[in-house]
Amino acid sequence: MRITDNSAAAVIGSEVSGNADHGILVTRGSTARIGVDLSGAAASNTIATNGGNGITVYQSSQALIRGNLLQSNGRGSQSRGAARRSPGTRSSRARAPASR
């Protein structure tokens, strides 16, 4: 999922999985909310089995990330800029076992 040049985008209560690259990429999305509804309450997402980072935030000074489950993504999560990440966001880099 790619959010670019959108100042008020929100990803809430969703499952984002199976992407070859990042699960969620926010670029220049200044007040993007990932896992946070308009009232500020957690509305967690499950972000799993993506090839790149589960969540990447770039040039998004007031982005807010809270209460998400990141699991088995290629590189976990990454923030470049001043995104705010809450302790409620859980991350796992463990890879899922290969299918037989």
N, C-alpha and C. Protein backbone atom coordinates (compact mmCIF):
# COMPACT_ATOMS: atom_id res chain seq x y z
N MET A 1 0.85 -1.16 0.00
CA MET A 1 0.00 0.00 0.00
C MET A 1 0.90 1.23 0.00
N ARG A 2 0.65 2.14 -0.91
CA ARG A 2 1.49 3.34 -1.04
C ARG A 2 0.62 4.58 -0.82
N ILE A 3 1.05 5.43 0.12
CA ILE A 3 0.39 6.70 0.38
C ILE A 3 1.40 7.79 0.08
N THR A 4 1.14 8.60 -0.92
CA THR A 4 2.08 9.63 -1.35
C THR A 4 1.37 10.97 -1.49
N ASP A 5 1.97 12.02 -0.93
CA ASP A 5 1.45 13.39 -1.04
C ASP A 5 0.00 13.50 -0.59
N ASN A 6 -0.36 12.80 0.47
CA ASN A 6 -1.71 12.87 1.01
C ASN A 6 -1.60 13.19 2.49
N SER A 7 -2.01 14.37 2.88
CA SER A 7 -1.74 14.83 4.24
C SER A 7 -2.63 14.20 5.29
N ALA A 8 -3.77 13.62 4.94
CA ALA A 8 -4.69 13.13 5.96
C ALA A 8 -5.07 11.66 5.76
N ALA A 9 -4.23 10.87 5.17
CA ALA A 9 -4.55 9.46 4.91
C ALA A 9 -4.59 8.67 6.21
N ALA A 10 -5.43 7.63 6.24
CA ALA A 10 -5.52 6.76 7.41
C ALA A 10 -5.62 5.31 6.96
N VAL A 11 -4.91 4.44 7.66
CA VAL A 11 -5.02 3.00 7.46
C VAL A 11 -5.44 2.45 8.82
N ILE A 12 -6.69 2.00 8.93
CA ILE A 12 -7.19 1.53 10.22
C ILE A 12 -7.96 0.23 10.04
N GLY A 13 -7.76 -0.69 10.99
CA GLY A 13 -8.49 -1.95 11.02
C GLY A 13 -8.31 -2.80 9.78
N SER A 14 -7.12 -2.79 9.20
CA SER A 14 -6.89 -3.50 7.94
C SER A 14 -5.86 -4.61 8.08
N GLU A 15 -5.85 -5.49 7.10
CA GLU A 15 -4.78 -6.48 6.96
C GLU A 15 -4.04 -6.15 5.67
N VAL A 16 -2.73 -5.96 5.79
CA VAL A 16 -1.88 -5.65 4.64
C VAL A 16 -0.84 -6.76 4.57
N SER A 17 -0.91 -7.61 3.55
CA SER A 17 0.00 -8.75 3.51
C SER A 17 0.30 -9.18 2.08
N GLY A 18 1.40 -9.91 1.95
CA GLY A 18 1.75 -10.55 0.70
C GLY A 18 2.30 -9.64 -0.38
N ASN A 19 2.73 -8.43 -0.04
CA ASN A 19 3.32 -7.53 -1.03
C ASN A 19 4.79 -7.88 -1.25
N ALA A 20 5.26 -7.74 -2.47
CA ALA A 20 6.67 -8.03 -2.76
C ALA A 20 7.59 -7.00 -2.12
N ASP A 21 7.10 -5.76 -1.95
CA ASP A 21 7.91 -4.70 -1.35
C ASP A 21 7.33 -4.37 0.03
N HIS A 22 7.28 -3.10 0.42
CA HIS A 22 6.79 -2.70 1.74
C HIS A 22 5.30 -3.01 1.89
N GLY A 23 4.88 -3.27 3.13
CA GLY A 23 3.46 -3.42 3.40
C GLY A 23 2.75 -2.09 3.24
N ILE A 24 3.22 -1.06 3.98
CA ILE A 24 2.69 0.30 3.87
C ILE A 24 3.87 1.24 3.70
N LEU A 25 3.82 2.07 2.68
CA LEU A 25 4.84 3.09 2.42
C LEU A 25 4.15 4.45 2.44
N VAL A 26 4.57 5.31 3.37
CA VAL A 26 4.03 6.67 3.45
C VAL A 26 5.15 7.62 3.06
N THR A 27 4.94 8.40 2.02
CA THR A 27 5.91 9.39 1.56
C THR A 27 5.22 10.75 1.47
N ARG A 28 5.73 11.72 2.18
CA ARG A 28 5.17 13.07 2.21
C ARG A 28 3.69 13.04 2.56
N GLY A 29 3.33 12.21 3.54
CA GLY A 29 1.96 12.13 4.03
C GLY A 29 1.92 12.71 5.43
N SER A 30 2.05 14.01 5.55
CA SER A 30 2.42 14.68 6.79
C SER A 30 1.67 14.25 8.04
N THR A 31 0.37 14.06 7.98
CA THR A 31 -0.36 13.65 9.18
C THR A 31 -1.00 12.28 9.01
N ALA A 32 -0.39 11.42 8.25
CA ALA A 32 -0.92 10.07 8.04
C ALA A 32 -1.08 9.36 9.38
N ARG A 33 -2.15 8.59 9.50
CA ARG A 33 -2.40 7.80 10.71
C ARG A 33 -2.45 6.33 10.32
N ILE A 34 -1.63 5.51 10.96
CA ILE A 34 -1.61 4.07 10.71
C ILE A 34 -1.94 3.39 12.03
N GLY A 35 -3.14 2.83 12.12
CA GLY A 35 -3.57 2.17 13.34
C GLY A 35 -4.18 3.11 14.37
N VAL A 36 -4.56 4.32 13.96
CA VAL A 36 -5.13 5.32 14.87
C VAL A 36 -6.34 5.96 14.20
N ASP A 37 -7.52 5.92 14.86
CA ASP A 37 -8.69 6.54 14.26
C ASP A 37 -8.72 8.05 14.54
N LEU A 38 -9.74 8.73 14.06
CA LEU A 38 -9.82 10.19 14.21
C LEU A 38 -9.86 10.65 15.66
N SER A 39 -10.42 9.83 16.55
CA SER A 39 -10.48 10.20 17.97
C SER A 39 -9.17 9.96 18.69
N GLY A 40 -8.21 9.31 18.02
CA GLY A 40 -6.93 8.99 18.65
C GLY A 40 -6.88 7.60 19.25
N ALA A 41 -7.99 6.86 19.15
CA ALA A 41 -8.03 5.50 19.68
C ALA A 41 -7.34 4.53 18.72
N ALA A 42 -6.76 3.48 19.29
CA ALA A 42 -6.11 2.47 18.47
C ALA A 42 -7.14 1.73 17.62
N ALA A 43 -6.82 1.54 16.36
CA ALA A 43 -7.63 0.77 15.41
C ALA A 43 -6.63 -0.06 14.62
N SER A 44 -6.07 -1.05 15.27
CA SER A 44 -4.87 -1.74 14.80
C SER A 44 -5.03 -2.41 13.44
N ASN A 45 -3.88 -2.53 12.78
CA ASN A 45 -3.74 -3.23 11.51
C ASN A 45 -2.84 -4.43 11.72
N THR A 46 -3.01 -5.45 10.91
CA THR A 46 -2.08 -6.56 10.85
C THR A 46 -1.30 -6.41 9.55
N ILE A 47 0.02 -6.30 9.68
CA ILE A 47 0.89 -6.07 8.53
C ILE A 47 1.89 -7.21 8.52
N ALA A 48 1.73 -8.16 7.59
CA ALA A 48 2.48 -9.41 7.68
C ALA A 48 2.93 -9.91 6.31
N THR A 49 3.99 -10.66 6.33
CA THR A 49 4.56 -11.39 5.18
C THR A 49 4.76 -10.52 3.94
N ASN A 50 5.26 -9.32 4.13
CA ASN A 50 5.62 -8.44 3.02
C ASN A 50 7.12 -8.56 2.80
N GLY A 51 7.58 -8.38 1.57
CA GLY A 51 8.99 -8.57 1.25
C GLY A 51 9.91 -7.52 1.82
N GLY A 52 9.45 -6.28 1.94
CA GLY A 52 10.26 -5.19 2.49
C GLY A 52 9.87 -4.91 3.92
N ASN A 53 9.96 -3.64 4.33
CA ASN A 53 9.54 -3.24 5.66
C ASN A 53 8.03 -3.42 5.80
N GLY A 54 7.58 -3.71 7.00
CA GLY A 54 6.14 -3.74 7.24
C GLY A 54 5.56 -2.35 7.04
N ILE A 55 6.20 -1.34 7.66
CA ILE A 55 5.79 0.06 7.52
C ILE A 55 7.05 0.89 7.26
N THR A 56 7.01 1.74 6.25
CA THR A 56 8.07 2.70 5.99
C THR A 56 7.44 4.08 5.91
N VAL A 57 7.98 5.03 6.68
CA VAL A 57 7.50 6.41 6.68
C VAL A 57 8.68 7.29 6.29
N TYR A 58 8.49 8.13 5.27
CA TYR A 58 9.56 8.97 4.76
C TYR A 58 9.03 10.38 4.51
N GLN A 59 9.69 11.38 5.04
CA GLN A 59 9.33 12.79 4.88
C GLN A 59 7.88 13.05 5.29
N SER A 60 7.50 12.57 6.45
CA SER A 60 6.14 12.73 6.96
C SER A 60 6.22 13.15 8.42
N SER A 61 6.34 14.45 8.64
CA SER A 61 6.73 14.98 9.94
C SER A 61 5.78 14.67 11.09
N GLN A 62 4.50 14.52 10.86
CA GLN A 62 3.55 14.27 11.95
C GLN A 62 2.82 12.94 11.82
N ALA A 63 3.35 12.01 11.05
CA ALA A 63 2.70 10.70 10.91
C ALA A 63 2.63 10.02 12.27
N LEU A 64 1.52 9.34 12.54
CA LEU A 64 1.31 8.66 13.81
C LEU A 64 1.04 7.19 13.56
N ILE A 65 1.82 6.33 14.20
CA ILE A 65 1.71 4.88 14.05
C ILE A 65 1.49 4.30 15.43
N ARG A 66 0.39 3.55 15.61
CA ARG A 66 0.11 3.02 16.94
C ARG A 66 -0.65 1.69 16.84
N GLY A 67 -0.29 0.75 17.72
CA GLY A 67 -1.07 -0.45 17.94
C GLY A 67 -1.16 -1.43 16.78
N ASN A 68 -0.17 -1.48 15.93
CA ASN A 68 -0.18 -2.40 14.79
C ASN A 68 0.60 -3.66 15.11
N LEU A 69 0.24 -4.76 14.47
CA LEU A 69 0.98 -6.00 14.59
C LEU A 69 1.76 -6.19 13.30
N LEU A 70 3.09 -6.16 13.40
CA LEU A 70 3.97 -6.38 12.25
C LEU A 70 4.61 -7.75 12.43
N GLN A 71 4.42 -8.63 11.46
CA GLN A 71 4.86 -10.00 11.63
C GLN A 71 5.42 -10.56 10.33
N SER A 72 6.60 -11.15 10.41
CA SER A 72 7.23 -11.87 9.29
C SER A 72 7.42 -11.00 8.05
N ASN A 73 7.74 -9.73 8.24
CA ASN A 73 8.08 -8.85 7.12
C ASN A 73 9.57 -8.94 6.88
N GLY A 74 9.99 -8.62 5.68
CA GLY A 74 11.40 -8.73 5.32
C GLY A 74 12.33 -7.96 6.23
N ARG A 75 11.94 -6.73 6.64
CA ARG A 75 12.85 -5.91 7.43
C ARG A 75 12.18 -5.20 8.60
N GLY A 76 11.01 -5.56 9.04
CA GLY A 76 10.40 -4.91 10.20
C GLY A 76 9.75 -3.59 9.84
N SER A 77 10.22 -2.48 10.43
CA SER A 77 9.67 -1.16 10.14
C SER A 77 10.79 -0.13 10.11
N GLN A 78 10.54 0.99 9.44
CA GLN A 78 11.57 2.00 9.29
C GLN A 78 10.91 3.37 9.23
N SER A 79 11.54 4.35 9.89
CA SER A 79 11.05 5.72 9.86
C SER A 79 12.20 6.65 9.53
N ARG A 80 12.01 7.47 8.51
CA ARG A 80 12.99 8.51 8.17
C ARG A 80 12.27 9.84 8.24
N GLY A 81 12.64 10.66 9.15
CA GLY A 81 11.95 11.92 9.39
C GLY A 81 11.46 11.91 10.82
N ALA A 82 10.37 12.57 11.10
CA ALA A 82 9.92 12.72 12.48
C ALA A 82 8.62 11.99 12.75
N ALA A 83 8.42 10.84 12.18
CA ALA A 83 7.20 10.06 12.45
C ALA A 83 7.19 9.65 13.91
N ARG A 84 6.01 9.58 14.48
CA ARG A 84 5.87 9.18 15.88
C ARG A 84 5.40 7.74 15.95
N ARG A 85 6.16 6.90 16.61
CA ARG A 85 5.81 5.48 16.72
C ARG A 85 5.48 5.18 18.17
N SER A 86 4.35 4.60 18.40
CA SER A 86 3.90 4.29 19.75
C SER A 86 4.44 2.95 20.22
N PRO A 87 4.63 2.81 21.54
CA PRO A 87 5.06 1.51 22.06
C PRO A 87 4.06 0.40 21.80
N GLY A 88 2.81 0.73 21.45
CA GLY A 88 1.81 -0.29 21.16
C GLY A 88 2.03 -1.02 19.85
N THR A 89 2.93 -0.53 19.03
CA THR A 89 3.23 -1.21 17.77
C THR A 89 4.21 -2.33 18.04
N ARG A 90 3.84 -3.53 17.65
CA ARG A 90 4.68 -4.70 17.90
C ARG A 90 5.27 -5.18 16.59
N SER A 91 6.52 -5.54 16.62
CA SER A 91 7.21 -5.94 15.40
C SER A 91 7.91 -7.26 15.58
N SER A 92 7.89 -8.07 14.55
CA SER A 92 8.59 -9.35 14.55
C SER A 92 9.28 -9.52 13.22
N ARG A 93 10.54 -9.88 13.25
CA ARG A 93 11.27 -10.13 12.00
C ARG A 93 11.33 -11.62 11.67
N ALA A 94 10.73 -12.44 12.48
CA ALA A 94 10.80 -13.89 12.24
C ALA A 94 10.16 -14.22 10.90
N ARG A 95 10.78 -15.07 10.17
CA ARG A 95 10.27 -15.50 8.87
C ARG A 95 9.34 -16.69 9.05
N ALA A 96 8.30 -16.74 8.27
CA ALA A 96 7.40 -17.89 8.30
C ALA A 96 8.11 -19.10 7.71
N PRO A 97 7.83 -20.29 8.24
CA PRO A 97 8.47 -21.48 7.67
C PRO A 97 8.03 -21.70 6.23
N ALA A 98 8.90 -22.28 5.44
CA ALA A 98 8.59 -22.57 4.04
C ALA A 98 7.46 -23.58 3.94
N SER A 99 6.60 -23.40 2.94
CA SER A 99 5.50 -24.34 2.71
C SER A 99 6.05 -25.64 2.16
N ARG A 100 5.36 -26.71 2.45
CA ARG A 100 5.77 -28.02 1.91
C ARG A 100 4.75 -28.55 0.98
